[in-house]
Amino acid sequence: MAGPLRFRRSNATWSRDRVREQLLAPLEATFGARLEEPWFSVGDDRYDAVRLDMANGDFALFAFRPGRAYWLGNTETPEALWRTDKETFAEAPYAVSRWAERELTARLEVTDPWLAEFEYVTWFFLPVFFSKDGRNTTRTFFADDAAGFPDATREAGLEFYESLLATGTLDEYRYTMASKLGTSPGYDLTRMRATMSEFTVAKLLADAGLEFVPEVEQDSGHALDFAVGDRLLEVTRPEPPARRSHADHPVAAVKETGGAKRSDQLAKHPDAILFVDCTSFTDAEWSAVRGERPRVGHEPTVVFRARPSGRVEGYLHGQLPFDLEGSIELV
């Protein structure tokens, strides 16, 4: 899979003639490309810049000065740039990154103005909103599934995550977290909802004033979702009963999903804390879980359900080593 957008850095000297010959010509032959002026200028006036638009909807941006150039696009990479290093938005020069982000945001304002209204969601997920794999699936997910709140408007769902991303808590982990959503080869609703559960747990931790690190690699070969101090956290999300071929009761769904984690990551890391996110459940389904408070065979476990309003209800089995007061209403 292509993964999130990254710059390709060339250390060669480029001119507009060379751009037309080595970048535009092969793309024009394959896709029907055209060379356009960018909508914005690069903040560093040493750089010239162009935009390449393909008939199939692909695009590329190219900024260049003597001895240095940066390519960003979701199309086929021309051969002249094959053996180049890749850089994230944070690693590339600020002026180049800022220029590219302005170009991409402006495109989103034209194609999906409802999404561009959410400034921090837009910025955080730009690397996947325009990636080769995620440009359609991520926008569809936010539009049709309200970012994982299946019974909410897309605006309400996005506002929930806008409030998290506006804090800057996850800025350092932008590529790590965003790429989880946008690198599926197809529209995998189960996987995308599960990814947003990690953002929800990040919000719970942040709202509780806890410092955390996401995606923590372990010697066991597993990468657990978070670490809070020296304690590991793993997040799982049961599919609602209507989408399951078995375990067709919400309580059974919670037990089965928790049990799957118990026999996998938690078998190697028994001291980890398990978070079970029931956000996909209807009011009636959550009421059944809340009433019975099923165990999953692992402690400590937090079972919860988030609402777009920001309210989170849940229950706890076992003792947490930290306090979630202020972020979750224990029932």
Protein backbone atom coordinates (compact mmCIF):
# COMPACT_ATOMS: atom_id res chain seq x y z
CA MET A 1 0.00 0.00 0.00
CA ALA A 2 1.12 3.55 -0.74
CA GLY A 3 0.70 4.96 2.75
CA PRO A 4 0.20 8.61 3.73
CA LEU A 5 1.55 11.47 1.65
CA ARG A 6 5.23 12.26 2.10
CA PHE A 7 7.55 14.54 0.20
CA ARG A 8 10.25 13.15 -2.05
CA ARG A 9 13.40 15.24 -1.67
CA SER A 10 15.65 15.69 -4.68
CA ASN A 11 19.14 17.15 -4.27
CA ALA A 12 19.42 17.93 -7.98
CA THR A 13 18.96 21.32 -9.64
CA TRP A 14 15.68 21.69 -11.48
CA SER A 15 14.33 24.21 -13.98
CA ARG A 16 10.92 24.53 -15.61
CA ASP A 17 12.32 22.99 -18.79
CA ARG A 18 13.56 19.98 -16.85
CA VAL A 19 10.21 19.72 -15.07
CA ARG A 20 8.41 19.60 -18.42
CA GLU A 21 10.82 17.02 -19.82
CA GLN A 22 11.30 14.63 -16.89
CA LEU A 23 8.13 15.05 -14.82
CA LEU A 24 5.31 16.35 -17.01
CA ALA A 25 6.09 14.37 -20.17
CA PRO A 26 5.90 10.84 -18.65
CA LEU A 27 2.78 11.72 -16.65
CA GLU A 28 1.16 13.29 -19.69
CA ALA A 29 1.83 10.13 -21.69
CA THR A 30 0.29 7.94 -18.99
CA PHE A 31 -2.50 10.04 -17.49
CA GLY A 32 -3.00 13.13 -19.63
CA ALA A 33 -1.23 15.52 -17.25
CA ARG A 34 -1.09 19.29 -17.49
CA LEU A 35 1.25 21.78 -15.85
CA GLU A 36 -0.43 24.54 -13.83
CA GLU A 37 0.62 27.45 -11.65
CA PRO A 38 0.10 26.77 -7.92
CA TRP A 39 -2.60 28.67 -6.06
CA PHE A 40 -0.09 29.89 -3.47
CA SER A 41 3.57 30.86 -3.50
CA VAL A 42 6.22 29.20 -1.35
CA GLY A 43 7.11 31.37 1.65
CA ASP A 44 10.81 31.03 0.77
CA ASP A 45 11.30 33.07 -2.43
CA ARG A 46 14.27 30.91 -3.48
CA TYR A 47 11.72 28.31 -4.61
CA ASP A 48 9.78 28.14 -7.84
CA ALA A 49 6.73 25.86 -7.78
CA VAL A 50 4.26 24.14 -10.09
CA ARG A 51 1.19 21.95 -9.85
CA LEU A 52 0.59 18.89 -12.04
CA ASP A 53 -3.01 17.77 -12.52
CA MET A 54 -3.91 14.45 -14.13
CA ALA A 55 -7.08 13.63 -16.07
CA ASN A 56 -7.81 10.75 -13.64
CA GLY A 57 -7.91 13.09 -10.63
CA ASP A 58 -4.33 12.47 -9.45
CA PHE A 59 -2.20 15.48 -8.63
CA ALA A 60 1.34 16.45 -7.68
CA LEU A 61 3.04 19.52 -6.27
CA PHE A 62 6.68 20.35 -7.02
CA ALA A 63 8.78 23.10 -5.40
CA PHE A 64 12.37 23.57 -6.54
CA ARG A 65 15.44 25.75 -6.14
CA PRO A 66 19.09 25.20 -7.10
CA GLY A 67 20.29 21.99 -5.43
CA ARG A 68 17.00 21.07 -3.75
CA ALA A 69 13.44 20.14 -4.74
CA TYR A 70 10.37 18.62 -3.10
CA TRP A 71 7.73 16.48 -4.80
CA LEU A 72 4.36 15.64 -3.20
CA GLY A 73 1.63 13.72 -4.95
CA ASN A 74 -0.75 10.79 -5.09
CA THR A 75 0.13 9.81 -8.64
CA GLU A 76 2.81 7.63 -10.21
CA THR A 77 6.27 8.92 -9.30
CA PRO A 78 8.30 9.80 -12.42
CA GLU A 79 11.52 7.82 -12.84
CA ALA A 80 13.67 10.92 -12.28
CA LEU A 81 12.51 10.91 -8.64
CA TRP A 82 12.64 7.18 -7.88
CA ARG A 83 15.87 7.20 -5.88
CA THR A 84 15.02 10.05 -3.55
CA ASP A 85 14.50 10.19 0.19
CA LYS A 86 11.08 10.75 1.72
CA GLU A 87 10.20 13.37 4.33
CA THR A 88 7.04 14.06 6.32
CA PHE A 89 5.44 17.49 6.57
CA ALA A 90 7.33 17.96 9.85
CA GLU A 91 10.69 16.96 8.35
CA ALA A 92 10.53 19.08 5.18
CA PRO A 93 11.40 22.80 5.40
CA TYR A 94 8.62 24.76 7.06
CA ALA A 95 8.04 27.05 4.07
CA VAL A 96 7.62 24.09 1.72
CA SER A 97 5.36 22.17 4.10
CA ARG A 98 3.22 25.22 4.79
CA TRP A 99 2.87 25.90 1.07
CA ALA A 100 1.84 22.31 0.34
CA GLU A 101 -0.66 22.28 3.21
CA ARG A 102 -2.24 25.51 1.94
CA GLU A 103 -2.54 24.00 -1.55
CA LEU A 104 -4.14 20.81 -0.23
CA THR A 105 -6.49 22.62 2.13
CA ALA A 106 -7.66 24.88 -0.68
CA ARG A 107 -8.41 21.81 -2.83
CA LEU A 108 -10.41 20.31 0.03
CA GLU A 109 -12.37 23.55 0.44
CA VAL A 110 -13.45 23.16 -3.20
CA THR A 111 -14.20 19.43 -3.22
CA ASP A 112 -15.42 18.87 0.36
CA PRO A 113 -16.22 22.21 1.99
CA TRP A 114 -18.15 20.50 4.82
CA LEU A 115 -14.93 18.73 5.85
CA ALA A 116 -12.66 21.76 5.48
CA GLU A 117 -14.82 23.59 8.04
CA PHE A 118 -13.10 21.47 10.71
CA GLU A 119 -9.68 23.13 10.72
CA TYR A 120 -7.82 20.74 13.00
CA VAL A 121 -9.33 17.55 11.59
CA THR A 122 -8.43 18.79 8.10
CA TRP A 123 -4.84 19.62 9.05
CA PHE A 124 -4.24 16.40 11.00
CA PHE A 125 -5.57 14.07 8.32
CA LEU A 126 -4.24 15.88 5.22
CA PRO A 127 -1.61 13.15 4.65
CA VAL A 128 -4.41 10.60 4.16
CA PHE A 129 -7.18 12.81 2.72
CA PHE A 130 -4.94 13.14 -0.35
CA SER A 131 -3.08 9.82 -0.27
CA LYS A 132 -3.37 7.28 -3.05
CA ASP A 133 -5.08 4.76 -0.76
CA GLY A 134 -7.08 6.96 1.59
CA ARG A 135 -8.35 9.93 -0.42
CA ASN A 136 -11.75 8.37 -1.09
CA THR A 137 -12.21 6.02 1.87
CA THR A 138 -11.35 8.54 4.60
CA ARG A 139 -13.68 11.22 3.25
CA THR A 140 -16.47 8.67 2.79
CA PHE A 141 -15.98 7.43 6.34
CA PHE A 142 -16.21 10.90 7.84
CA ALA A 143 -19.21 11.78 5.66
CA ASP A 144 -21.26 8.59 5.90
CA ASP A 145 -20.26 7.16 9.30
CA ALA A 146 -19.68 10.45 11.14
CA ALA A 147 -16.10 9.46 12.08
CA GLY A 148 -17.38 6.32 13.82
CA PHE A 149 -20.59 7.67 15.39
CA PRO A 150 -23.06 5.72 13.24
CA ASP A 151 -26.15 7.39 14.75
CA ALA A 152 -24.91 11.00 14.56
CA THR A 153 -24.58 13.71 11.95
CA ARG A 154 -21.19 14.01 10.32
CA GLU A 155 -20.82 17.48 11.83
CA ALA A 156 -21.42 16.19 15.37
CA GLY A 157 -18.96 13.33 14.92
CA LEU A 158 -16.25 15.57 13.52
CA GLU A 159 -16.73 18.16 16.27
CA PHE A 160 -15.93 15.49 18.86
CA TYR A 161 -12.51 14.85 17.31
CA GLU A 162 -11.95 18.51 16.42
CA SER A 163 -12.00 19.25 20.16
CA LEU A 164 -9.26 16.65 20.72
CA LEU A 165 -7.02 17.64 17.82
CA ALA A 166 -7.33 21.35 18.60
CA THR A 167 -5.39 20.74 21.81
CA GLY A 168 -2.27 19.68 19.87
CA THR A 169 -1.92 16.60 22.08
CA LEU A 170 -1.42 14.31 19.08
CA ASP A 171 0.57 16.68 16.82
CA GLU A 172 3.82 14.85 17.49
CA TYR A 173 2.19 11.57 16.42
CA ARG A 174 0.36 12.88 13.35
CA TYR A 175 1.68 10.38 10.83
CA THR A 176 1.52 7.45 13.24
CA MET A 177 -2.13 8.06 14.08
CA ALA A 178 -3.49 9.42 10.80
CA SER A 179 -1.99 6.65 8.70
CA LYS A 180 -3.91 4.03 10.68
CA LEU A 181 -7.10 5.44 9.22
CA GLY A 182 -6.04 5.98 5.65
CA THR A 183 -3.95 3.07 4.43
CA SER A 184 -6.54 0.31 3.98
CA PRO A 185 -6.69 -1.07 0.43
CA GLY A 186 -10.48 -0.63 0.48
CA TYR A 187 -13.33 0.78 2.53
CA ASP A 188 -12.89 -1.23 5.72
CA LEU A 189 -15.53 0.18 8.06
CA THR A 190 -14.65 -2.13 10.95
CA ARG A 191 -10.99 -1.16 10.85
CA MET A 192 -11.70 2.55 10.49
CA ARG A 193 -14.10 2.57 13.43
CA ALA A 194 -11.49 0.73 15.50
CA THR A 195 -8.91 3.35 14.55
CA MET A 196 -11.16 6.16 15.76
CA SER A 197 -11.54 4.29 19.06
CA GLU A 198 -7.86 4.98 19.62
CA PHE A 199 -8.51 8.68 19.11
CA THR A 200 -11.40 8.45 21.57
CA VAL A 201 -9.18 6.83 24.21
CA ALA A 202 -6.55 9.48 23.52
CA LYS A 203 -9.24 12.06 24.29
CA LEU A 204 -10.14 10.29 27.56
CA LEU A 205 -6.50 10.30 28.62
CA ALA A 206 -5.96 13.91 27.60
CA ASP A 207 -9.16 15.08 29.31
CA ALA A 208 -7.98 13.33 32.49
CA GLY A 209 -4.70 15.25 32.31
CA LEU A 210 -2.59 12.15 31.64
CA GLU A 211 0.55 12.08 29.52
CA PHE A 212 0.73 9.20 27.07
CA VAL A 213 2.60 7.79 24.08
CA PRO A 214 0.71 6.04 21.26
CA GLU A 215 1.73 2.92 19.30
CA VAL A 216 4.32 1.44 21.65
CA GLU A 217 6.47 -1.30 20.09
CA GLN A 218 7.28 -4.25 22.34
CA ASP A 219 9.91 -7.00 22.20
CA SER A 220 7.04 -9.48 21.87
CA GLY A 221 6.47 -8.20 18.34
CA HIS A 222 3.25 -6.47 19.32
CA ALA A 223 2.64 -2.74 19.23
CA LEU A 224 0.20 -1.78 21.96
CA ASP A 225 -1.96 1.26 21.44
CA PHE A 226 -0.72 3.48 24.30
CA ALA A 227 1.62 3.74 27.25
CA VAL A 228 0.79 5.86 30.29
CA GLY A 229 3.97 5.91 32.31
CA ASP A 230 5.08 2.27 32.53
CA ARG A 231 1.59 0.84 31.94
CA LEU A 232 0.47 -0.32 28.50
CA LEU A 233 -3.05 0.18 27.12
CA GLU A 234 -4.81 -1.78 24.40
CA VAL A 235 -8.03 -0.65 22.72
CA THR A 236 -10.67 -2.81 21.05
CA ARG A 237 -14.08 -2.07 19.56
CA PRO A 238 -16.90 -4.62 19.29
CA GLU A 239 -18.99 -4.45 16.15
CA PRO A 240 -22.68 -3.98 16.96
CA PRO A 241 -24.71 -7.20 16.96
CA ALA A 242 -26.44 -6.33 13.69
CA ARG A 243 -23.07 -6.50 11.88
CA ARG A 244 -21.90 -9.76 13.46
CA SER A 245 -22.40 -13.26 12.08
CA HIS A 246 -22.47 -14.63 15.65
CA ALA A 247 -22.44 -13.17 19.17
CA ASP A 248 -25.70 -11.46 18.20
CA HIS A 249 -26.32 -9.95 21.64
CA PRO A 250 -24.40 -6.85 22.80
CA VAL A 251 -23.19 -8.54 25.99
CA ALA A 252 -21.90 -11.51 23.99
CA ALA A 253 -20.22 -9.10 21.56
CA VAL A 254 -18.32 -7.42 24.39
CA LYS A 255 -17.22 -10.75 25.86
CA GLU A 256 -16.12 -12.14 22.50
CA THR A 257 -14.17 -9.04 21.47
CA GLY A 258 -12.44 -8.79 24.84
CA GLY A 259 -11.65 -12.49 24.73
CA ALA A 260 -9.96 -12.10 21.34
CA LYS A 261 -7.57 -9.52 22.81
CA ARG A 262 -6.98 -11.74 25.85
CA SER A 263 -5.70 -14.54 23.65
CA ASP A 264 -3.49 -12.22 21.57
CA GLN A 265 -1.77 -9.05 22.82
CA LEU A 266 -2.86 -9.45 26.42
CA ALA A 267 -1.52 -13.01 26.60
CA LYS A 268 1.97 -11.54 26.13
CA HIS A 269 1.25 -8.41 28.20
CA PRO A 270 -1.06 -9.46 31.04
CA ASP A 271 -0.48 -6.24 32.99
CA ALA A 272 -1.83 -4.08 30.14
CA ILE A 273 -5.10 -2.18 30.60
CA LEU A 274 -7.89 -3.03 28.17
CA PHE A 275 -10.33 -0.41 26.88
CA VAL A 276 -13.45 -1.78 25.16
CA ASP A 277 -15.21 0.89 23.09
CA CYS A 278 -18.95 0.31 22.56
CA THR A 279 -19.52 3.56 20.64
CA SER A 280 -20.97 1.62 17.69
CA PHE A 281 -23.79 0.28 19.90
CA THR A 282 -27.29 1.73 19.85
CA ASP A 283 -28.85 3.16 23.02
CA ALA A 284 -30.68 -0.12 23.63
CA GLU A 285 -27.56 -2.23 23.05
CA TRP A 286 -25.48 -0.08 25.38
CA SER A 287 -28.23 -0.18 27.99
CA ALA A 288 -28.03 -3.99 27.98
CA VAL A 289 -24.23 -3.90 28.44
CA ARG A 290 -24.42 -1.20 31.08
CA GLY A 291 -27.05 -3.15 32.99
CA GLU A 292 -25.15 -6.47 33.01
CA ARG A 293 -21.59 -5.06 33.16
CA PRO A 294 -20.04 -8.17 31.58
CA ARG A 295 -16.46 -9.15 32.35
CA VAL A 296 -14.08 -10.18 29.59
CA GLY A 297 -11.67 -12.28 31.65
CA HIS A 298 -9.02 -9.59 32.00
CA GLU A 299 -8.39 -6.89 34.58
CA PRO A 300 -8.19 -4.00 34.57
CA THR A 301 -10.76 -3.41 31.83
CA VAL A 302 -12.68 -0.23 31.03
CA VAL A 303 -15.85 -0.71 28.97
CA PHE A 304 -17.29 2.57 27.68
CA ARG A 305 -19.45 4.32 25.11
CA ALA A 306 -18.81 7.85 23.81
CA ARG A 307 -21.38 10.28 22.46
CA PRO A 308 -20.69 13.14 20.02
CA SER A 309 -21.66 15.62 22.75
CA GLY A 310 -18.49 14.61 24.61
CA ARG A 311 -20.24 12.58 27.27
CA VAL A 312 -18.63 9.19 27.94
CA GLU A 313 -20.19 6.50 30.13
CA GLY A 314 -18.46 3.35 31.23
CA TYR A 315 -17.72 0.82 33.90
CA LEU A 316 -14.55 -0.67 35.32
CA HIS A 317 -13.46 -4.14 36.35
CA GLY A 318 -10.20 -4.14 38.29
CA GLN A 319 -8.08 -1.29 39.63
CA LEU A 320 -6.68 1.41 37.36
CA PRO A 321 -3.24 2.83 38.19
CA PHE A 322 -4.45 6.31 37.25
CA ASP A 323 -7.59 8.40 37.59
CA LEU A 324 -9.97 9.00 34.67
CA GLU A 325 -12.07 11.44 36.67
CA GLY A 326 -13.33 14.24 34.46
CA SER A 327 -13.19 12.22 31.27
CA ILE A 328 -15.55 9.28 31.88
CA GLU A 329 -18.72 8.91 33.93
CA LEU A 330 -18.50 5.56 35.73
CA VAL A 331 -21.85 3.80 36.04
